[in-house]
């Protein structure tokens, strides 16, 4: 969990890449529905890596936020977060 949340910028980059690939994939599927059916196949093939990148990036972002919540509520480190 902590390893996935170590690099939130990389996780955000992965999520945005997956989101962009998903949009292109949906566009290919829609274009294939109306015009050329071969584009639907390209959209479906592109959909798998798009979902992988988006899910992997989102899990990394979630792990980062979750580790921050755990570190704030950790009773061992309570003195680290208090203001003097």
C-alpha atoms as a PDB file:
ATOM      1  CA  UNK A   1       0.000   0.000   0.000  1.00  0.00           C
ATOM      2  CA  UNK A   2       2.749   2.444   0.915  1.00  0.00           C
ATOM      3  CA  UNK A   3       4.799   1.591  -2.182  1.00  0.00           C
ATOM      4  CA  UNK A   4       1.908   2.486  -4.496  1.00  0.00           C
ATOM      5  CA  UNK A   5       1.358   5.791  -2.694  1.00  0.00           C
ATOM      6  CA  UNK A   6       5.010   6.883  -2.661  1.00  0.00           C
ATOM      7  CA  UNK A   7       4.829   8.771  -5.959  1.00  0.00           C
ATOM      8  CA  UNK A   8       1.528  10.644  -6.282  1.00  0.00           C
ATOM      9  CA  UNK A   9       2.707  12.610  -9.328  1.00  0.00           C
ATOM     10  CA  UNK A  10       3.477   9.403 -11.199  1.00  0.00           C
ATOM     11  CA  UNK A  11       0.117   7.967 -10.134  1.00  0.00           C
ATOM     12  CA  UNK A  12      -1.653  11.075 -11.387  1.00  0.00           C
ATOM     13  CA  UNK A  13       0.241  10.835 -14.675  1.00  0.00           C
ATOM     14  CA  UNK A  14      -0.756   7.173 -15.061  1.00  0.00           C
ATOM     15  CA  UNK A  15      -4.376   7.991 -14.263  1.00  0.00           C
ATOM     16  CA  UNK A  16      -4.501  10.816 -16.799  1.00  0.00           C
ATOM     17  CA  UNK A  17      -2.855   8.649 -19.474  1.00  0.00           C
ATOM     18  CA  UNK A  18      -5.457   5.967 -18.821  1.00  0.00           C
ATOM     19  CA  UNK A  19      -8.245   8.537 -18.949  1.00  0.00           C
ATOM     20  CA  UNK A  20      -7.030   9.910 -22.289  1.00  0.00           C
ATOM     21  CA  UNK A  21      -6.669   6.411 -23.719  1.00  0.00           C
ATOM     22  CA  UNK A  22     -10.184   5.638 -22.523  1.00  0.00           C
ATOM     23  CA  UNK A  23     -11.564   8.705 -24.297  1.00  0.00           C
ATOM     24  CA  UNK A  24      -9.788   7.712 -27.531  1.00  0.00           C
ATOM     25  CA  UNK A  25     -11.054   4.165 -27.132  1.00  0.00           C
ATOM     26  CA  UNK A  26     -14.638   5.333 -26.643  1.00  0.00           C
ATOM     27  CA  UNK A  27     -14.265   7.591 -29.679  1.00  0.00           C
ATOM     28  CA  UNK A  28     -13.057   4.693 -31.813  1.00  0.00           C
ATOM     29  CA  UNK A  29     -15.933   2.517 -30.621  1.00  0.00           C
ATOM     30  CA  UNK A  30     -18.489   5.239 -31.403  1.00  0.00           C
ATOM     31  CA  UNK A  31     -16.954   5.946 -34.808  1.00  0.00           C
ATOM     32  CA  UNK A  32     -16.963   2.243 -35.560  1.00  0.00           C
ATOM     33  CA  UNK A  33     -20.612   2.025 -34.634  1.00  0.00           C
ATOM     34  CA  UNK A  34     -21.619   4.699 -37.127  1.00  0.00           C
ATOM     35  CA  UNK A  35     -19.062   4.341 -39.930  1.00  0.00           C
ATOM     36  CA  UNK A  36     -16.482   1.556 -40.156  1.00  0.00           C
ATOM     37  CA  UNK A  37     -16.842  -1.491 -37.851  1.00  0.00           C
ATOM     38  CA  UNK A  38     -13.095  -2.138 -37.896  1.00  0.00           C
ATOM     39  CA  UNK A  39     -12.610   0.917 -35.668  1.00  0.00           C
ATOM     40  CA  UNK A  40     -14.684  -0.778 -32.972  1.00  0.00           C
ATOM     41  CA  UNK A  41     -12.106  -3.525 -32.774  1.00  0.00           C
ATOM     42  CA  UNK A  42      -9.306  -0.979 -32.423  1.00  0.00           C
ATOM     43  CA  UNK A  43     -11.289   0.745 -29.682  1.00  0.00           C
ATOM     44  CA  UNK A  44     -11.822  -2.496 -27.814  1.00  0.00           C
ATOM     45  CA  UNK A  45      -8.130  -3.372 -28.056  1.00  0.00           C
ATOM     46  CA  UNK A  46      -7.202   0.089 -26.787  1.00  0.00           C
ATOM     47  CA  UNK A  47      -9.717  -0.196 -23.960  1.00  0.00           C
ATOM     48  CA  UNK A  48      -7.723  -2.839 -22.027  1.00  0.00           C
ATOM     49  CA  UNK A  49      -4.535  -0.764 -21.490  1.00  0.00           C
ATOM     50  CA  UNK A  50      -6.658   2.329 -20.893  1.00  0.00           C
ATOM     51  CA  UNK A  51      -8.489   0.674 -18.032  1.00  0.00           C
ATOM     52  CA  UNK A  52      -5.260  -0.790 -16.667  1.00  0.00           C
ATOM     53  CA  UNK A  53      -3.503   2.595 -16.541  1.00  0.00           C
ATOM     54  CA  UNK A  54      -6.530   4.391 -15.124  1.00  0.00           C
ATOM     55  CA  UNK A  55      -7.148   1.810 -12.404  1.00  0.00           C
ATOM     56  CA  UNK A  56      -3.463   1.499 -11.488  1.00  0.00           C
ATOM     57  CA  UNK A  57      -3.097   5.282 -11.268  1.00  0.00           C
ATOM     58  CA  UNK A  58      -6.272   5.666  -9.236  1.00  0.00           C
ATOM     59  CA  UNK A  59      -5.166   2.979  -6.792  1.00  0.00           C
ATOM     60  CA  UNK A  60      -1.856   4.831  -6.396  1.00  0.00           C
ATOM     61  CA  UNK A  61      -3.646   8.109  -5.699  1.00  0.00           C
ATOM     62  CA  UNK A  62      -5.950   6.411  -3.221  1.00  0.00           C
ATOM     63  CA  UNK A  63      -3.011   4.702  -1.499  1.00  0.00           C
ATOM     64  CA  UNK A  64      -1.261   8.057  -1.104  1.00  0.00           C
ATOM     65  CA  UNK A  65      -4.288   9.692   0.496  1.00  0.00           C
ATOM     66  CA  UNK A  66      -4.985   6.649   2.653  1.00  0.00           C
ATOM     67  CA  UNK A  67      -1.390   6.526   3.918  1.00  0.00           C
ATOM     68  CA  UNK A  68      -1.641  10.215   4.840  1.00  0.00           C
ATOM     69  CA  UNK A  69      -4.783   9.540   6.856  1.00  0.00           C
ATOM     70  CA  UNK A  70      -3.146   6.585   8.584  1.00  0.00           C
ATOM     71  CA  UNK A  71      -0.028   8.607   9.442  1.00  0.00           C
ATOM     72  CA  UNK A  72      -2.113  11.445  10.897  1.00  0.00           C
ATOM     73  CA  UNK A  73      -4.210   9.083  13.028  1.00  0.00           C
ATOM     74  CA  UNK A  74      -1.267   6.913  14.108  1.00  0.00           C
ATOM     75  CA  UNK A  75      -1.047   7.155  17.935  1.00  0.00           C
ATOM     76  CA  UNK A  76       2.727   6.613  17.874  1.00  0.00           C
ATOM     77  CA  UNK A  77       3.348   9.724  15.752  1.00  0.00           C
ATOM     78  CA  UNK A  78       0.911  12.091  17.480  1.00  0.00           C
ATOM     79  CA  UNK A  79       3.649  14.461  18.628  1.00  0.00           C
ATOM     80  CA  UNK A  80       4.999  14.814  15.076  1.00  0.00           C
ATOM     81  CA  UNK A  81       1.869  16.562  13.775  1.00  0.00           C
ATOM     82  CA  UNK A  82       1.110  18.863  16.693  1.00  0.00           C
ATOM     83  CA  UNK A  83       1.880  22.555  16.470  1.00  0.00           C
ATOM     84  CA  UNK A  84       4.208  23.941  19.182  1.00  0.00           C
END
